Protein backbone atom coordinates (compact mmCIF):
# COMPACT_ATOMS: atom_id res chain seq x y z
CA MET A 1 -0.04 0.02 -0.03
CA SER A 2 1.44 3.36 -1.07
CA HIS A 3 1.70 6.33 1.46
CA SER A 4 -0.90 8.18 -0.44
CA THR A 5 -3.33 5.31 -0.13
CA SER A 6 -2.48 4.75 3.55
CA ASP A 7 -3.05 8.46 4.18
CA ALA A 8 -6.37 8.41 2.39
CA LEU A 9 -7.50 5.37 4.28
CA ALA A 10 -6.57 6.93 7.60
CA SER A 11 -8.41 10.10 6.74
CA LEU A 12 -11.53 8.05 5.73
CA GLN A 13 -11.36 5.96 8.95
CA HIS A 14 -11.23 9.18 11.01
CA SER A 15 -14.27 10.58 9.06
CA ILE A 16 -16.50 7.61 9.75
CA ASN A 17 -15.47 6.90 13.41
CA GLY A 18 -18.48 7.07 15.56
CA LYS A 19 -20.91 7.36 12.85
CA SER A 20 -23.94 5.00 12.23
CA ILE A 21 -23.69 2.42 9.42
CA ALA A 22 -25.83 4.53 7.14
CA ASP A 23 -23.90 7.69 7.84
CA ALA A 24 -20.60 5.86 7.34
CA VAL A 25 -21.68 4.51 4.05
CA GLU A 26 -22.89 7.92 3.00
CA THR A 27 -19.38 9.30 3.77
CA LEU A 28 -17.79 6.55 1.55
CA ILE A 29 -20.28 7.30 -1.19
CA ALA A 30 -19.36 11.00 -1.09
CA ALA A 31 -15.75 10.10 -1.34
CA TYR A 32 -16.34 7.58 -4.17
CA PRO A 33 -19.59 8.26 -5.99
CA GLY A 34 -20.91 5.45 -7.97
CA ALA A 35 -18.16 3.10 -6.82
CA VAL A 36 -19.39 1.57 -3.62
CA THR A 37 -20.59 -2.04 -3.64
CA PHE A 38 -21.78 -4.59 -1.21
CA SER A 39 -21.36 -8.43 -1.44
CA THR A 40 -24.09 -10.48 0.27
CA SER A 41 -24.25 -14.19 0.93
CA PHE A 42 -27.57 -13.61 2.69
CA SER A 43 -26.06 -14.41 6.14
CA ASN A 44 -27.52 -12.68 9.23
CA GLU A 45 -24.70 -10.15 9.09
CA ASP A 46 -25.37 -9.34 5.44
CA GLN A 47 -29.11 -9.13 5.99
CA VAL A 48 -28.43 -6.50 8.67
CA ILE A 49 -26.33 -4.48 6.24
CA THR A 50 -28.84 -4.83 3.43
CA ASP A 51 -31.47 -3.48 5.77
CA HIS A 52 -29.44 -0.37 6.58
CA ILE A 53 -28.69 0.28 2.90
CA ALA A 54 -32.05 -0.42 1.50
CA LYS A 55 -34.06 1.43 4.21
CA ASN A 56 -31.92 4.51 3.66
CA HIS A 57 -31.99 4.33 -0.08
CA LEU A 58 -28.24 4.48 -0.33
CA PRO A 59 -26.87 4.38 -3.86
CA VAL A 60 -24.79 1.21 -3.24
CA SER A 61 -24.83 -1.66 -5.70
CA PHE A 62 -25.53 -5.24 -4.41
CA PHE A 63 -24.02 -8.41 -5.66
CA THR A 64 -23.80 -12.06 -4.68
CA LEU A 65 -21.60 -15.04 -5.65
CA ASP A 66 -23.63 -18.00 -6.84
CA THR A 67 -21.21 -20.90 -6.55
CA GLY A 68 -23.81 -23.45 -7.98
CA ARG A 69 -23.71 -25.41 -4.71
CA LEU A 70 -25.58 -23.20 -2.26
CA PHE A 71 -28.33 -24.49 0.09
CA PRO A 72 -31.93 -24.34 -1.03
CA GLU A 73 -32.55 -22.26 2.03
CA THR A 74 -30.02 -19.70 0.76
CA TYR A 75 -31.85 -19.35 -2.56
CA SER A 76 -35.18 -18.95 -0.67
CA THR A 77 -33.58 -16.20 1.46
CA TRP A 78 -32.21 -14.52 -1.67
CA SER A 79 -35.80 -14.55 -3.17
CA ARG A 80 -37.38 -13.21 -0.04
CA THR A 81 -34.80 -10.43 0.30
CA LEU A 82 -35.55 -9.23 -3.24
CA GLU A 83 -39.32 -9.14 -2.42
CA HIS A 84 -38.89 -7.51 1.00
CA TYR A 85 -36.72 -4.56 -0.12
CA SER A 86 -37.51 -4.29 -3.86
CA ILE A 87 -33.90 -4.11 -4.69
CA SER A 88 -31.71 -5.52 -7.48
CA ILE A 89 -28.87 -7.99 -6.58
CA LYS A 90 -26.54 -8.94 -9.48
CA ALA A 91 -25.24 -12.57 -9.34
CA TYR A 92 -21.85 -13.65 -10.48
CA TYR A 93 -21.14 -17.27 -11.50
CA PRO A 94 -18.03 -19.38 -11.95
CA ASN A 95 -16.39 -19.63 -15.38
CA ALA A 96 -18.13 -22.57 -16.98
CA GLY A 97 -15.08 -23.83 -18.82
CA GLU A 98 -12.79 -23.65 -15.73
CA LEU A 99 -15.43 -25.53 -13.66
CA GLU A 100 -16.01 -28.23 -16.19
CA THR A 101 -12.31 -28.83 -16.53
CA PHE A 102 -11.86 -29.06 -12.80
CA ILE A 103 -14.82 -31.46 -12.24
CA GLU A 104 -13.76 -33.61 -15.22
CA SER A 105 -10.22 -33.90 -13.87
CA ASN A 106 -11.03 -34.23 -10.11
CA GLY A 107 -14.71 -35.19 -9.75
CA PRO A 108 -17.59 -33.36 -8.20
CA ASN A 109 -16.44 -33.67 -4.54
CA ALA A 110 -12.75 -33.19 -4.96
CA PHE A 111 -12.67 -30.52 -2.24
CA TYR A 112 -12.77 -33.28 0.37
CA ASP A 113 -9.59 -34.89 -0.82
CA SER A 114 -7.07 -32.07 -0.04
CA VAL A 115 -6.66 -28.44 1.00
CA GLU A 116 -5.17 -27.68 -2.52
CA LEU A 117 -8.14 -29.04 -4.34
CA ARG A 118 -10.67 -27.39 -1.98
CA SER A 119 -8.81 -24.09 -2.39
CA ARG A 120 -8.90 -24.54 -6.09
CA CYS A 121 -12.63 -25.24 -6.07
CA CYS A 122 -13.15 -21.99 -3.89
CA PHE A 123 -10.95 -20.03 -6.36
CA ILE A 124 -13.12 -21.05 -9.25
CA ARG A 125 -16.45 -20.71 -7.60
CA LYS A 126 -15.79 -17.66 -5.42
CA VAL A 127 -12.58 -15.81 -5.82
CA ALA A 128 -12.48 -15.41 -9.61
CA PRO A 129 -16.10 -14.31 -9.81
CA LEU A 130 -15.43 -11.87 -6.89
CA LYS A 131 -12.67 -10.17 -8.92
CA ARG A 132 -15.10 -9.62 -11.74
CA ALA A 133 -17.81 -8.31 -9.44
CA LEU A 134 -15.33 -5.77 -7.83
CA GLN A 135 -14.03 -4.26 -11.10
CA GLY A 136 -14.89 -0.62 -11.39
CA ASN A 137 -15.59 -0.15 -7.68
CA ALA A 138 -13.46 1.67 -5.07
CA VAL A 139 -15.12 0.39 -1.85
CA TRP A 140 -16.35 -3.07 -0.98
CA ILE A 141 -18.69 -3.36 1.92
CA THR A 142 -18.57 -6.81 3.67
CA GLY A 143 -20.28 -8.62 6.61
CA LEU A 144 -16.93 -9.57 8.34
CA ARG A 145 -17.01 -9.68 12.12
CA ALA A 146 -14.07 -10.06 14.49
CA GLU A 147 -15.74 -13.14 16.08
CA HIS A 148 -15.67 -15.03 12.82
CA SER A 149 -11.99 -16.21 13.17
CA PRO A 150 -8.87 -15.56 15.13
CA ASN A 151 -7.17 -13.74 12.21
CA ARG A 152 -9.87 -11.07 12.09
CA GLN A 153 -9.46 -9.92 15.63
CA ASP A 154 -7.06 -7.10 14.78
CA LEU A 155 -8.81 -5.80 11.71
CA GLN A 156 -9.89 -2.11 11.27
CA SER A 157 -13.32 -1.33 10.07
CA LEU A 158 -11.55 0.01 6.90
CA GLU A 159 -8.74 -1.81 5.30
CA TRP A 160 -6.89 -1.90 1.99
CA ASP A 161 -7.29 -5.06 0.02
CA GLU A 162 -4.03 -5.37 -2.01
CA GLY A 163 -5.07 -8.31 -3.96
CA ASN A 164 -8.24 -6.68 -5.28
CA GLY A 165 -6.95 -3.03 -5.24
CA ILE A 166 -10.02 -1.89 -3.26
CA ILE A 167 -10.93 -0.39 0.16
CA LYS A 168 -12.94 -2.79 2.37
CA PHE A 169 -15.48 -1.49 4.90
CA HIS A 170 -16.55 -3.89 7.72
CA PRO A 171 -19.51 -2.09 9.43
CA LEU A 172 -20.37 -4.99 11.71
CA LEU A 173 -16.76 -5.72 12.74
CA HIS A 174 -17.25 -5.36 16.39
CA TRP A 175 -20.88 -6.60 16.64
CA SER A 176 -21.55 -9.71 18.63
CA THR A 177 -23.52 -12.65 17.36
CA GLU A 178 -26.21 -11.82 19.91
CA GLU A 179 -26.40 -8.21 18.53
CA VAL A 180 -26.71 -9.33 15.03
CA SER A 181 -29.38 -11.91 15.88
CA ASN A 182 -31.38 -9.35 18.00
CA TYR A 183 -31.39 -6.78 15.03
CA VAL A 184 -32.59 -9.46 12.59
CA GLN A 185 -35.50 -10.30 14.92
CA GLN A 186 -36.42 -6.72 15.96
CA ALA A 187 -36.47 -5.50 12.50
CA ALA A 188 -38.29 -8.54 11.17
CA ILE A 189 -35.70 -9.13 8.33
CA PRO A 190 -35.87 -12.16 6.07
CA TYR A 191 -33.11 -14.49 7.30
CA ASN A 192 -31.80 -17.94 6.36
CA PRO A 193 -33.67 -20.57 8.45
CA LEU A 194 -30.54 -22.62 8.70
CA HIS A 195 -29.45 -20.17 11.40
CA ASP A 196 -32.23 -21.72 13.54
CA LYS A 197 -30.72 -25.16 13.09
CA GLY A 198 -27.21 -24.42 14.45
CA PHE A 199 -25.67 -23.10 11.14
CA VAL A 200 -23.66 -20.01 11.96
CA SER A 201 -21.50 -19.56 8.90
CA ILE A 202 -23.29 -20.66 5.76
CA GLY A 203 -21.44 -21.29 2.54
CA CYS A 204 -21.82 -24.09 -0.03
CA ALA A 205 -23.85 -26.98 1.05
CA PRO A 206 -21.12 -29.74 0.80
CA CYS A 207 -18.70 -27.61 2.92
CA THR A 208 -21.08 -26.38 5.68
CA ARG A 209 -22.53 -28.10 8.77
CA ALA A 210 -24.26 -27.11 11.94
CA ILE A 211 -21.97 -26.51 14.97
CA ARG A 212 -22.31 -28.32 18.20
CA PRO A 213 -22.68 -26.71 21.60
CA GLY A 214 -19.29 -25.34 22.66
CA GLU A 215 -17.71 -25.59 19.11
CA ASP A 216 -15.90 -22.67 17.57
CA PHE A 217 -17.68 -20.44 15.18
CA ARG A 218 -15.80 -21.77 12.10
CA ALA A 219 -16.18 -25.42 13.10
CA GLY A 220 -19.03 -25.72 10.71
CA ARG A 221 -16.88 -24.81 7.69
CA TRP A 222 -14.52 -27.32 6.07
CA TRP A 223 -14.64 -29.25 9.27
CA TRP A 224 -12.47 -32.01 7.88
CA GLU A 225 -9.49 -29.58 7.63
CA ASP A 226 -7.00 -28.09 10.17
CA SER A 227 -8.59 -24.91 11.76
CA SER A 228 -5.71 -22.83 10.54
CA LYS A 229 -6.62 -23.34 6.96
CA LYS A 230 -10.36 -22.30 7.16
CA GLU A 231 -10.47 -19.48 4.60
CA CYS A 232 -11.73 -19.58 1.09
CA GLY A 233 -9.61 -16.80 -0.38
CA LEU A 234 -12.26 -14.05 -0.42
CA HIS A 235 -10.80 -12.40 2.66
CA THR A 236 -7.10 -12.84 3.15
CA HIS A 237 -4.90 -10.72 5.36
């Protein structure tokens, strides 16, 4: 990150400190008009952010990554979200040729065989489509929270994503799981019913399970892998 980028980021961070989510997003929009986008996976966190953006009619574009292996409940939540807020959400899909080659060479469930194959699957289905989705944007709003994993404890609400050349804003970074759940209930927001069944971090169906009492937040993702490897490549630090 260059000094000029670092200075701009520090100035932006100072300008949004203490502001509500809507006001912080408005500040970012003023700095980068027409270049602020939000990625939603229809998790509870993302539904809270969608609610703030949509109810305040903020000019932020919405997108989602459809990996082709999402839960039926996720697609249902997607549909109910469109109806509830009357918004448009652009979907990005994996490159068909790359996915066909990967599956032909390794089989449909190769991600269970090694971290390398799982990472390649994540790259094709998530990371590559994300890069297309972020093109032309200056700010990417995410639903990351510090509780999600150990390597997110030291994040700032604004950070520079070198790999994608974009500013990332995490408006719920310091919200607790309870605060997120309470907001969803109180605001009567459409949410993924899998959350009521012990699913806390919901991704692709083959790679996600409910967690058991006392298990770590990320235990339900890629549970057959070492806990230090549980990232898909969308958020690397």
